[in-house]
Amino acid sequence: MGKIIAVCISEKRGTQKKQVESIELKPEHGIVGDAHAGNWHRQVSLLSFEKIDEFRKRGADIDFGAFGENIVCEGFDLRTLPVGTRFQIGDALLELTQIGKACHSHCEIYKTMGDCIMPREGVFTIVLKGGTVKPGDEIEMIPPSDDRPFTAAVITLSDRASKGIYEDKSGPVIREMLEEDGYQVIEQMVLPDGRNRLETELMRLSDQRQVNVIFTTGGTGFSERDLTPEATKAVCDREVPGIGEALRNYSMQFTPNAMLSRQTAGIRKRTLIVNLPGSPKACSEDLEFLLGPLKHGVGILRGTVSE
């Protein structure tokens, strides 16, 4: 159990949040009257009072809401909690969706102190059940259920598709097959070929959103811009070469060109990253072969399945 210390909102984006007497949480929206509310995965932000207090002791004269947090609570080291953790506050129920965030432009706190704790200590949630929240309310942490659906993200690599010249057909095929198999696909995107953008997204999805498995499609061939395997290897802690080997071997029954695929797989923290080919047909064939054994490995990574 923990306790709510302060609640804060800002009516306009780009302005500092201010303390209010109470906030009204609304499902699929966030906080009524807050500029960051909406149907997305970062509806309500939380920050630990203990972390704010530590920062103040370094000489920072800051009010609650200065870091952009909606809820200040004590009793939890928020950044150590797994995505999927829930928080019960009276009738309201929040679910943790992201740990920390990227800081693209340094705030006034960073400019003054040379540091800001929100990018590494703040967490983000969605509202599952609505209700009124105010300082002094108790907050109960509910660990994620072992039988919750696996989460997935799908990334298509294509210069032409990213410019709208060519329709992405592989990404939707992968998403449909994953959802039919019980996965919750939380993000799908199209990126240009190459490494930089892909590496950034793979790290964000693994570290902040803690996605169970990320599938890429495209960029596994011989063209100069086909660098998906290189990006995957660069961000992974451990390789899983057996997946790429097995998929190539399986695909050989359909076309001898499968031997030219450079697709690979690897693990970053507790996220499995799997490269699939660029064609919708090849993606469908690979997933039909892969999805069965894959859940065992993903379950081991998540800690809900034993070896």
C-alpha atoms as a PDB file:
ATOM      1  CA  MET A   1       0.000   0.000   0.000  1.00  0.00           C
ATOM      2  CA  GLY A   2       1.078   3.567  -0.673  1.00  0.00           C
ATOM      3  CA  LYS A   3      -0.437   7.022  -0.409  1.00  0.00           C
ATOM      4  CA  ILE A   4      -1.255   9.849  -2.793  1.00  0.00           C
ATOM      5  CA  ILE A   5       0.732  12.976  -1.856  1.00  0.00           C
ATOM      6  CA  ALA A   6      -0.360  15.368  -4.614  1.00  0.00           C
ATOM      7  CA  VAL A   7      -2.334  15.479  -7.872  1.00  0.00           C
ATOM      8  CA  CYS A   8      -1.495  17.896 -10.692  1.00  0.00           C
ATOM      9  CA  ILE A   9      -2.735  18.906 -14.138  1.00  0.00           C
ATOM     10  CA  SER A  10      -1.882  21.327 -16.915  1.00  0.00           C
ATOM     11  CA  GLU A  11      -4.562  22.688 -19.227  1.00  0.00           C
ATOM     12  CA  LYS A  12      -2.098  23.330 -22.070  1.00  0.00           C
ATOM     13  CA  ARG A  13       0.751  21.214 -23.384  1.00  0.00           C
ATOM     14  CA  GLY A  14       4.187  22.641 -22.793  1.00  0.00           C
ATOM     15  CA  THR A  15       3.187  24.298 -19.528  1.00  0.00           C
ATOM     16  CA  GLN A  16       4.100  23.156 -15.996  1.00  0.00           C
ATOM     17  CA  LYS A  17       1.522  21.120 -14.146  1.00  0.00           C
ATOM     18  CA  LYS A  18      -0.042  22.681 -11.053  1.00  0.00           C
ATOM     19  CA  GLN A  19      -1.433  21.091  -7.908  1.00  0.00           C
ATOM     20  CA  VAL A  20      -5.204  20.729  -7.667  1.00  0.00           C
ATOM     21  CA  GLU A  21      -7.517  19.487  -4.903  1.00  0.00           C
ATOM     22  CA  SER A  22      -8.580  16.389  -6.849  1.00  0.00           C
ATOM     23  CA  ILE A  23      -8.582  14.843 -10.324  1.00  0.00           C
ATOM     24  CA  GLU A  24     -11.265  12.904 -12.179  1.00  0.00           C
ATOM     25  CA  LEU A  25     -10.043   9.811 -14.035  1.00  0.00           C
ATOM     26  CA  LYS A  26     -11.935   8.690 -17.130  1.00  0.00           C
ATOM     27  CA  PRO A  27     -11.406   5.334 -18.918  1.00  0.00           C
ATOM     28  CA  GLU A  28      -9.848   5.500 -22.409  1.00  0.00           C
ATOM     29  CA  HIS A  29      -9.122   9.176 -21.783  1.00  0.00           C
ATOM     30  CA  GLY A  30      -7.078   9.970 -18.691  1.00  0.00           C
ATOM     31  CA  ILE A  31      -7.582  12.990 -16.450  1.00  0.00           C
ATOM     32  CA  VAL A  32     -10.523  15.240 -17.253  1.00  0.00           C
ATOM     33  CA  GLY A  33      -9.144  18.689 -18.031  1.00  0.00           C
ATOM     34  CA  ASP A  34      -5.499  17.651 -18.457  1.00  0.00           C
ATOM     35  CA  ALA A  35      -3.791  18.549 -21.718  1.00  0.00           C
ATOM     36  CA  HIS A  36      -2.141  15.124 -22.051  1.00  0.00           C
ATOM     37  CA  ALA A  37      -5.379  13.164 -21.808  1.00  0.00           C
ATOM     38  CA  GLY A  38      -6.412  11.113 -24.822  1.00  0.00           C
ATOM     39  CA  ASN A  39      -6.812   7.615 -26.193  1.00  0.00           C
ATOM     40  CA  TRP A  40      -3.131   6.628 -25.981  1.00  0.00           C
ATOM     41  CA  HIS A  41      -0.796   4.744 -23.653  1.00  0.00           C
ATOM     42  CA  ARG A  42       0.489   7.726 -21.627  1.00  0.00           C
ATOM     43  CA  GLN A  43      -2.713   9.051 -20.096  1.00  0.00           C
ATOM     44  CA  VAL A  44      -1.611   9.543 -16.476  1.00  0.00           C
ATOM     45  CA  SER A  45       1.960   9.992 -15.223  1.00  0.00           C
ATOM     46  CA  LEU A  46       3.179   8.994 -11.758  1.00  0.00           C
ATOM     47  CA  LEU A  47       6.315   9.982  -9.867  1.00  0.00           C
ATOM     48  CA  SER A  48       7.571   8.785  -6.496  1.00  0.00           C
ATOM     49  CA  PHE A  49       7.550  11.306  -3.645  1.00  0.00           C
ATOM     50  CA  GLU A  50      10.768   9.743  -2.356  1.00  0.00           C
ATOM     51  CA  LYS A  51      12.553  10.554  -5.639  1.00  0.00           C
ATOM     52  CA  ILE A  52      11.286  14.135  -5.604  1.00  0.00           C
ATOM     53  CA  ASP A  53      12.390  14.526  -1.988  1.00  0.00           C
ATOM     54  CA  GLU A  54      15.890  13.253  -2.842  1.00  0.00           C
ATOM     55  CA  PHE A  55      16.075  15.767  -5.692  1.00  0.00           C
ATOM     56  CA  ARG A  56      14.989  18.611  -3.396  1.00  0.00           C
ATOM     57  CA  LYS A  57      17.746  17.739  -0.954  1.00  0.00           C
ATOM     58  CA  ARG A  58      20.230  18.474  -3.734  1.00  0.00           C
ATOM     59  CA  GLY A  59      19.133  22.107  -3.567  1.00  0.00           C
ATOM     60  CA  ALA A  60      16.248  22.194  -6.035  1.00  0.00           C
ATOM     61  CA  ASP A  61      13.341  24.432  -5.041  1.00  0.00           C
ATOM     62  CA  ILE A  62      10.526  22.746  -6.936  1.00  0.00           C
ATOM     63  CA  ASP A  63       6.781  22.329  -6.509  1.00  0.00           C
ATOM     64  CA  PHE A  64       4.814  19.169  -7.175  1.00  0.00           C
ATOM     65  CA  GLY A  65       4.003  18.972 -10.883  1.00  0.00           C
ATOM     66  CA  ALA A  66       7.280  20.606 -11.931  1.00  0.00           C
ATOM     67  CA  PHE A  67       8.503  17.389 -13.574  1.00  0.00           C
ATOM     68  CA  GLY A  68       5.240  16.968 -15.496  1.00  0.00           C
ATOM     69  CA  GLU A  69       3.814  14.339 -13.153  1.00  0.00           C
ATOM     70  CA  ASN A  70       0.060  13.967 -12.621  1.00  0.00           C
ATOM     71  CA  ILE A  71       0.223  11.904  -9.441  1.00  0.00           C
ATOM     72  CA  VAL A  72       2.853  12.029  -6.699  1.00  0.00           C
ATOM     73  CA  CYS A  73       2.714   8.912  -4.517  1.00  0.00           C
ATOM     74  CA  GLU A  74       4.849   7.467  -1.762  1.00  0.00           C
ATOM     75  CA  GLY A  75       5.599   3.865  -0.912  1.00  0.00           C
ATOM     76  CA  PHE A  76       6.759   2.522  -4.295  1.00  0.00           C
ATOM     77  CA  ASP A  77       9.957   2.521  -6.335  1.00  0.00           C
ATOM     78  CA  LEU A  78       7.936   2.965  -9.509  1.00  0.00           C
ATOM     79  CA  ARG A  79      10.688   2.481 -12.089  1.00  0.00           C
ATOM     80  CA  THR A  80      11.390  -1.060 -10.832  1.00  0.00           C
ATOM     81  CA  LEU A  81       7.814  -2.250 -11.414  1.00  0.00           C
ATOM     82  CA  PRO A  82       6.966  -4.310 -14.493  1.00  0.00           C
ATOM     83  CA  VAL A  83       4.669  -2.986 -17.184  1.00  0.00           C
ATOM     84  CA  GLY A  84       1.223  -4.447 -16.516  1.00  0.00           C
ATOM     85  CA  THR A  85       1.288  -3.577 -12.806  1.00  0.00           C
ATOM     86  CA  ARG A  86      -2.016  -2.054 -11.707  1.00  0.00           C
ATOM     87  CA  PHE A  87      -2.811   0.621  -9.148  1.00  0.00           C
ATOM     88  CA  GLN A  88      -6.129   0.681  -7.295  1.00  0.00           C
ATOM     89  CA  ILE A  89      -7.075   4.093  -5.900  1.00  0.00           C
ATOM     90  CA  GLY A  90     -10.586   3.889  -4.483  1.00  0.00           C
ATOM     91  CA  ASP A  91     -12.845   3.067  -7.426  1.00  0.00           C
ATOM     92  CA  ALA A  92     -10.197   4.060  -9.961  1.00  0.00           C
ATOM     93  CA  LEU A  93      -7.851   1.540 -11.565  1.00  0.00           C
ATOM     94  CA  LEU A  94      -4.680   2.384 -13.506  1.00  0.00           C
ATOM     95  CA  GLU A  95      -2.389   0.062 -15.485  1.00  0.00           C
ATOM     96  CA  LEU A  96       1.333   0.716 -15.985  1.00  0.00           C
ATOM     97  CA  THR A  97       2.206   0.994 -19.683  1.00  0.00           C
ATOM     98  CA  GLN A  98       5.645   2.621 -19.851  1.00  0.00           C
ATOM     99  CA  ILE A  99       8.732   3.184 -17.694  1.00  0.00           C
ATOM    100  CA  GLY A 100      10.409   6.560 -18.194  1.00  0.00           C
ATOM    101  CA  LYS A 101      10.522   8.517 -21.427  1.00  0.00           C
ATOM    102  CA  ALA A 102      12.957  10.073 -23.853  1.00  0.00           C
ATOM    103  CA  CYS A 103      13.841  13.702 -23.163  1.00  0.00           C
ATOM    104  CA  HIS A 104      14.011  15.475 -26.539  1.00  0.00           C
ATOM    105  CA  SER A 105      14.317  19.041 -25.205  1.00  0.00           C
ATOM    106  CA  HIS A 106      15.697  19.736 -21.745  1.00  0.00           C
ATOM    107  CA  CYS A 107      13.277  21.377 -19.293  1.00  0.00           C
ATOM    108  CA  GLU A 108      14.046  24.338 -17.041  1.00  0.00           C
ATOM    109  CA  ILE A 109      14.838  21.958 -14.156  1.00  0.00           C
ATOM    110  CA  TYR A 110      17.536  20.269 -16.227  1.00  0.00           C
ATOM    111  CA  LYS A 111      18.963  23.607 -17.329  1.00  0.00           C
ATOM    112  CA  THR A 112      19.202  24.720 -13.680  1.00  0.00           C
ATOM    113  CA  MET A 113      20.255  21.465 -11.996  1.00  0.00           C
ATOM    114  CA  GLY A 114      21.895  19.588 -14.844  1.00  0.00           C
ATOM    115  CA  ASP A 115      19.479  16.723 -14.253  1.00  0.00           C
ATOM    116  CA  CYS A 116      15.801  15.800 -14.390  1.00  0.00           C
ATOM    117  CA  ILE A 117      14.362  12.666 -12.791  1.00  0.00           C
ATOM    118  CA  MET A 118      11.189  12.280 -14.860  1.00  0.00           C
ATOM    119  CA  PRO A 119      12.822  10.601 -17.894  1.00  0.00           C
ATOM    120  CA  ARG A 120      14.184   7.756 -15.733  1.00  0.00           C
ATOM    121  CA  GLU A 121      11.929   7.700 -12.629  1.00  0.00           C
ATOM    122  CA  GLY A 122       8.515   8.659 -13.991  1.00  0.00           C
ATOM    123  CA  VAL A 123       6.030   6.044 -15.189  1.00  0.00           C
ATOM    124  CA  PHE A 124       2.938   6.223 -17.346  1.00  0.00           C
ATOM    125  CA  THR A 125      -0.435   4.523 -17.068  1.00  0.00           C
ATOM    126  CA  ILE A 126      -3.815   4.157 -18.735  1.00  0.00           C
ATOM    127  CA  VAL A 127      -7.140   4.428 -16.942  1.00  0.00           C
ATOM    128  CA  LEU A 128      -9.056   1.142 -16.793  1.00  0.00           C
ATOM    129  CA  LYS A 129     -11.718   2.311 -14.319  1.00  0.00           C
ATOM    130  CA  GLY A 130     -12.645   5.871 -13.539  1.00  0.00           C
ATOM    131  CA  GLY A 131     -12.980   7.682 -10.261  1.00  0.00           C
ATOM    132  CA  THR A 132     -11.937  10.678  -8.205  1.00  0.00           C
ATOM    133  CA  VAL A 133      -8.393  10.797  -6.781  1.00  0.00           C
ATOM    134  CA  LYS A 134      -7.120  13.247  -4.188  1.00  0.00           C
ATOM    135  CA  PRO A 135      -4.189  13.669  -1.800  1.00  0.00           C
ATOM    136  CA  GLY A 136      -4.380  11.326   1.164  1.00  0.00           C
ATOM    137  CA  ASP A 137      -6.010   8.492  -0.795  1.00  0.00           C
ATOM    138  CA  GLU A 138      -4.478   5.051  -0.410  1.00  0.00           C
ATOM    139  CA  ILE A 139      -2.990   3.422  -3.510  1.00  0.00           C
ATOM    140  CA  GLU A 140      -2.715  -0.353  -3.768  1.00  0.00           C
ATOM    141  CA  MET A 141      -0.225  -2.007  -6.107  1.00  0.00           C
ATOM    142  CA  ILE A 142      -1.506  -5.133  -7.908  1.00  0.00           C
ATOM    143  CA  PRO A 143       1.200  -7.265  -9.609  1.00  0.00           C
ATOM    144  CA  PRO A 144       0.592  -8.361 -13.219  1.00  0.00           C
ATOM    145  CA  SER A 145      -1.292 -11.618 -13.657  1.00  0.00           C
ATOM    146  CA  ASP A 146       0.735 -14.595 -14.899  1.00  0.00           C
ATOM    147  CA  ASP A 147      -1.962 -15.452 -17.455  1.00  0.00           C
ATOM    148  CA  ARG A 148      -2.140 -11.991 -19.035  1.00  0.00           C
ATOM    149  CA  PRO A 149      -1.756 -11.922 -22.842  1.00  0.00           C
ATOM    150  CA  PHE A 150       1.702 -11.586 -24.323  1.00  0.00           C
ATOM    151  CA  THR A 151       2.359  -8.174 -25.845  1.00  0.00           C
ATOM    152  CA  ALA A 152       3.874  -7.594 -29.276  1.00  0.00           C
ATOM    153  CA  ALA A 153       4.990  -4.804 -31.581  1.00  0.00           C
ATOM    154  CA  VAL A 154       5.345  -4.900 -35.361  1.00  0.00           C
ATOM    155  CA  ILE A 155       7.865  -2.797 -37.312  1.00  0.00           C
ATOM    156  CA  THR A 156       7.950  -2.679 -41.098  1.00  0.00           C
ATOM    157  CA  LEU A 157      11.222  -1.534 -42.701  1.00  0.00           C
ATOM    158  CA  SER A 158      10.733   0.004 -46.138  1.00  0.00           C
ATOM    159  CA  ASP A 159      11.916   3.274 -47.661  1.00  0.00           C
ATOM    160  CA  ARG A 160       9.011   3.329 -50.105  1.00  0.00           C
ATOM    161  CA  ALA A 161       6.317   2.356 -47.615  1.00  0.00           C
ATOM    162  CA  SER A 162       7.555   4.928 -45.096  1.00  0.00           C
ATOM    163  CA  LYS A 163       7.089   7.635 -47.769  1.00  0.00           C
ATOM    164  CA  GLY A 164       3.622   6.407 -48.731  1.00  0.00           C
ATOM    165  CA  ILE A 165       4.767   5.284 -52.182  1.00  0.00           C
ATOM    166  CA  TYR A 166       4.094   1.641 -51.426  1.00  0.00           C
ATOM    167  CA  GLU A 167       1.413   0.108 -49.203  1.00  0.00           C
ATOM    168  CA  ASP A 168       2.700  -1.863 -46.226  1.00  0.00           C
ATOM    169  CA  LYS A 169       1.135  -5.302 -46.620  1.00  0.00           C
ATOM    170  CA  SER A 170       3.419  -7.381 -44.409  1.00  0.00           C
ATOM    171  CA  GLY A 171       2.809  -5.479 -41.157  1.00  0.00           C
ATOM    172  CA  PRO A 172      -0.979  -6.010 -41.216  1.00  0.00           C
ATOM    173  CA  VAL A 173      -0.517  -9.715 -42.003  1.00  0.00           C
ATOM    174  CA  ILE A 174       1.770 -10.140 -38.983  1.00  0.00           C
ATOM    175  CA  ARG A 175      -0.572  -8.183 -36.727  1.00  0.00           C
ATOM    176  CA  GLU A 176      -3.606 -10.214 -37.768  1.00  0.00           C
ATOM    177  CA  MET A 177      -1.857 -13.538 -37.167  1.00  0.00           C
ATOM    178  CA  LEU A 178      -0.539 -12.413 -33.780  1.00  0.00           C
ATOM    179  CA  GLU A 179      -3.940 -11.229 -32.607  1.00  0.00           C
ATOM    180  CA  GLU A 180      -5.546 -14.461 -33.783  1.00  0.00           C
ATOM    181  CA  ASP A 181      -2.966 -16.281 -31.646  1.00  0.00           C
ATOM    182  CA  GLY A 182      -3.880 -14.260 -28.560  1.00  0.00           C
ATOM    183  CA  TYR A 183      -1.165 -11.592 -28.581  1.00  0.00           C
ATOM    184  CA  GLN A 184      -1.937  -7.988 -27.692  1.00  0.00           C
ATOM    185  CA  VAL A 185      -0.296  -5.869 -30.396  1.00  0.00           C
ATOM    186  CA  ILE A 186       0.401  -2.571 -28.638  1.00  0.00           C
ATOM    187  CA  GLU A 187       2.296  -0.781 -31.419  1.00  0.00           C
ATOM    188  CA  GLN A 188       2.673  -1.067 -35.192  1.00  0.00           C
ATOM    189  CA  MET A 189       4.805   1.260 -37.293  1.00  0.00           C
ATOM    190  CA  VAL A 190       6.528   1.712 -40.652  1.00  0.00           C
ATOM    191  CA  LEU A 191      10.119   2.982 -40.699  1.00  0.00           C
ATOM    192  CA  PRO A 192      12.583   3.665 -43.508  1.00  0.00           C
ATOM    193  CA  ASP A 193      15.296   1.089 -44.103  1.00  0.00           C
ATOM    194  CA  GLY A 194      18.545   1.537 -42.230  1.00  0.00           C
ATOM    195  CA  ARG A 195      19.727   1.290 -38.631  1.00  0.00           C
ATOM    196  CA  ASN A 196      19.320   4.508 -36.650  1.00  0.00           C
ATOM    197  CA  ARG A 197      15.533   4.839 -36.372  1.00  0.00           C
ATOM    198  CA  LEU A 198      15.127   1.091 -35.979  1.00  0.00           C
ATOM    199  CA  GLU A 199      17.652   0.851 -33.156  1.00  0.00           C
ATOM    200  CA  THR A 200      15.951   3.728 -31.328  1.00  0.00           C
ATOM    201  CA  GLU A 201      12.526   2.096 -31.568  1.00  0.00           C
ATOM    202  CA  LEU A 202      13.784  -1.352 -30.595  1.00  0.00           C
ATOM    203  CA  MET A 203      15.377   0.096 -27.446  1.00  0.00           C
ATOM    204  CA  ARG A 204      12.285   2.131 -26.546  1.00  0.00           C
ATOM    205  CA  LEU A 205       9.900  -0.777 -27.020  1.00  0.00           C
ATOM    206  CA  SER A 206      12.156  -3.112 -25.031  1.00  0.00           C
ATOM    207  CA  ASP A 207      13.216  -0.799 -22.202  1.00  0.00           C
ATOM    208  CA  GLN A 208      10.275   1.539 -21.684  1.00  0.00           C
ATOM    209  CA  ARG A 209       7.260  -0.419 -22.909  1.00  0.00           C
ATOM    210  CA  GLN A 210       8.727  -3.839 -22.019  1.00  0.00           C
ATOM    211  CA  VAL A 211       7.103  -5.505 -25.037  1.00  0.00           C
ATOM    212  CA  ASN A 212       7.354  -9.292 -24.848  1.00  0.00           C
ATOM    213  CA  VAL A 213       8.220  -9.779 -28.528  1.00  0.00           C
ATOM    214  CA  ILE A 214       8.997  -7.418 -31.404  1.00  0.00           C
ATOM    215  CA  PHE A 215       8.656  -8.579 -35.008  1.00  0.00           C
ATOM    216  CA  THR A 216      10.393  -6.719 -37.808  1.00  0.00           C
ATOM    217  CA  THR A 217       9.620  -7.288 -41.468  1.00  0.00           C
ATOM    218  CA  GLY A 218      11.921  -6.235 -44.284  1.00  0.00           C
ATOM    219  CA  GLY A 219      15.547  -5.224 -44.526  1.00  0.00           C
ATOM    220  CA  THR A 220      16.970  -8.759 -44.344  1.00  0.00           C
ATOM    221  CA  GLY A 221      18.256  -9.078 -47.909  1.00  0.00           C
ATOM    222  CA  PHE A 222      21.377  -8.075 -49.821  1.00  0.00           C
ATOM    223  CA  SER A 223      20.541  -4.475 -50.723  1.00  0.00           C
ATOM    224  CA  GLU A 224      22.786  -1.760 -49.334  1.00  0.00           C
ATOM    225  CA  ARG A 225      19.946  -0.389 -47.175  1.00  0.00           C
ATOM    226  CA  ASP A 226      18.980  -3.837 -45.811  1.00  0.00           C
ATOM    227  CA  LEU A 227      20.379  -3.401 -42.293  1.00  0.00           C
ATOM    228  CA  THR A 228      17.689  -4.873 -40.046  1.00  0.00           C
ATOM    229  CA  PRO A 229      19.894  -7.750 -38.771  1.00  0.00           C
ATOM    230  CA  GLU A 230      22.704  -5.320 -37.989  1.00  0.00           C
ATOM    231  CA  ALA A 231      20.353  -3.069 -35.998  1.00  0.00           C
ATOM    232  CA  THR A 232      18.942  -6.065 -34.155  1.00  0.00           C
ATOM    233  CA  LYS A 233      22.374  -7.376 -33.181  1.00  0.00           C
ATOM    234  CA  ALA A 234      23.489  -3.906 -32.084  1.00  0.00           C
ATOM    235  CA  VAL A 235      20.741  -3.526 -29.468  1.00  0.00           C
ATOM    236  CA  CYS A 236      20.515  -7.118 -28.226  1.00  0.00           C
ATOM    237  CA  ASP A 237      22.239  -8.516 -25.150  1.00  0.00           C
ATOM    238  CA  ARG A 238      22.108 -12.078 -26.484  1.00  0.00           C
ATOM    239  CA  GLU A 239      21.540 -13.584 -29.913  1.00  0.00           C
ATOM    240  CA  VAL A 240      19.089 -16.406 -30.603  1.00  0.00           C
ATOM    241  CA  PRO A 241      20.574 -17.798 -33.832  1.00  0.00           C
ATOM    242  CA  GLY A 242      18.372 -20.896 -33.816  1.00  0.00           C
ATOM    243  CA  ILE A 243      15.289 -18.909 -34.793  1.00  0.00           C
ATOM    244  CA  GLY A 244      16.824 -17.486 -37.974  1.00  0.00           C
ATOM    245  CA  GLU A 245      18.362 -20.834 -38.842  1.00  0.00           C
ATOM    246  CA  ALA A 246      15.077 -22.680 -38.338  1.00  0.00           C
ATOM    247  CA  LEU A 247      13.074 -20.159 -40.368  1.00  0.00           C
ATOM    248  CA  ARG A 248      15.527 -20.314 -43.286  1.00  0.00           C
ATOM    249  CA  ASN A 249      15.497 -24.098 -43.213  1.00  0.00           C
ATOM    250  CA  TYR A 250      11.688 -24.182 -43.133  1.00  0.00           C
ATOM    251  CA  SER A 251      11.387 -21.646 -45.965  1.00  0.00           C
ATOM    252  CA  MET A 252      13.694 -23.682 -48.211  1.00  0.00           C
ATOM    253  CA  GLN A 253      10.753 -25.982 -48.975  1.00  0.00           C
ATOM    254  CA  PHE A 254       8.993 -23.020 -50.636  1.00  0.00           C
ATOM    255  CA  THR A 255      11.935 -21.343 -52.405  1.00  0.00           C
ATOM    256  CA  PRO A 256      15.676 -21.899 -52.617  1.00  0.00           C
ATOM    257  CA  ASN A 257      16.068 -18.111 -52.333  1.00  0.00           C
ATOM    258  CA  ALA A 258      15.397 -18.523 -48.602  1.00  0.00           C
ATOM    259  CA  MET A 259      19.102 -19.260 -48.173  1.00  0.00           C
ATOM    260  CA  LEU A 260      19.757 -15.599 -49.046  1.00  0.00           C
ATOM    261  CA  SER A 261      17.790 -14.273 -46.078  1.00  0.00           C
ATOM    262  CA  ARG A 262      19.957 -12.781 -43.324  1.00  0.00           C
ATOM    263  CA  GLN A 263      17.180 -12.673 -40.719  1.00  0.00           C
ATOM    264  CA  THR A 264      18.184 -13.190 -37.127  1.00  0.00           C
ATOM    265  CA  ALA A 265      16.752 -12.942 -33.601  1.00  0.00           C
ATOM    266  CA  GLY A 266      17.974 -11.760 -30.231  1.00  0.00           C
ATOM    267  CA  ILE A 267      17.058 -10.787 -26.681  1.00  0.00           C
ATOM    268  CA  ARG A 268      17.241  -7.322 -25.152  1.00  0.00           C
ATOM    269  CA  LYS A 269      16.536  -7.532 -21.415  1.00  0.00           C
ATOM    270  CA  ARG A 270      13.220  -9.466 -21.396  1.00  0.00           C
ATOM    271  CA  THR A 271      12.166  -8.696 -24.961  1.00  0.00           C
ATOM    272  CA  LEU A 272      12.605 -11.083 -27.871  1.00  0.00           C
ATOM    273  CA  ILE A 273      13.260  -9.462 -31.250  1.00  0.00           C
ATOM    274  CA  VAL A 274      12.606 -11.535 -34.383  1.00  0.00           C
ATOM    275  CA  ASN A 275      13.401 -10.528 -37.974  1.00  0.00           C
ATOM    276  CA  LEU A 276      10.909 -11.712 -40.583  1.00  0.00           C
ATOM    277  CA  PRO A 277      11.265 -11.404 -44.390  1.00  0.00           C
ATOM    278  CA  GLY A 278       9.727  -8.542 -46.331  1.00  0.00           C
ATOM    279  CA  SER A 279       7.038 -10.336 -48.333  1.00  0.00           C
ATOM    280  CA  PRO A 280       3.565 -10.947 -46.812  1.00  0.00           C
ATOM    281  CA  LYS A 281       3.586 -14.555 -48.052  1.00  0.00           C
ATOM    282  CA  ALA A 282       6.941 -15.310 -46.421  1.00  0.00           C
ATOM    283  CA  CYS A 283       5.858 -13.624 -43.170  1.00  0.00           C
ATOM    284  CA  SER A 284       2.710 -15.740 -43.068  1.00  0.00           C
ATOM    285  CA  GLU A 285       4.643 -18.956 -43.725  1.00  0.00           C
ATOM    286  CA  ASP A 286       7.268 -18.142 -41.090  1.00  0.00           C
ATOM    287  CA  LEU A 287       4.700 -17.283 -38.421  1.00  0.00           C
ATOM    288  CA  GLU A 288       2.702 -20.449 -39.042  1.00  0.00           C
ATOM    289  CA  PHE A 289       5.886 -22.366 -38.267  1.00  0.00           C
ATOM    290  CA  LEU A 290       7.138 -20.145 -35.461  1.00  0.00           C
ATOM    291  CA  LEU A 291       4.163 -19.214 -33.286  1.00  0.00           C
ATOM    292  CA  GLY A 292       3.782 -22.628 -31.685  1.00  0.00           C
ATOM    293  CA  PRO A 293       7.213 -22.931 -30.020  1.00  0.00           C
ATOM    294  CA  LEU A 294       7.605 -19.166 -29.634  1.00  0.00           C
ATOM    295  CA  LYS A 295       5.227 -18.800 -26.683  1.00  0.00           C
ATOM    296  CA  HIS A 296       7.366 -21.118 -24.566  1.00  0.00           C
ATOM    297  CA  GLY A 297      10.431 -18.943 -25.040  1.00  0.00           C
ATOM    298  CA  VAL A 298       8.537 -15.684 -24.518  1.00  0.00           C
ATOM    299  CA  GLY A 299       6.997 -17.102 -21.348  1.00  0.00           C
ATOM    300  CA  ILE A 300      10.459 -17.971 -20.004  1.00  0.00           C
ATOM    301  CA  LEU A 301      11.633 -14.417 -20.707  1.00  0.00           C
ATOM    302  CA  ARG A 302       8.608 -12.952 -18.940  1.00  0.00           C
ATOM    303  CA  GLY A 303       9.099 -15.269 -15.991  1.00  0.00           C
ATOM    304  CA  THR A 304       5.685 -16.914 -16.184  1.00  0.00           C
ATOM    305  CA  VAL A 305       6.847 -20.215 -17.730  1.00  0.00           C
ATOM    306  CA  SER A 306       9.565 -22.494 -16.367  1.00  0.00           C
ATOM    307  CA  GLU A 307      12.359 -24.037 -18.432  1.00  0.00           C
END
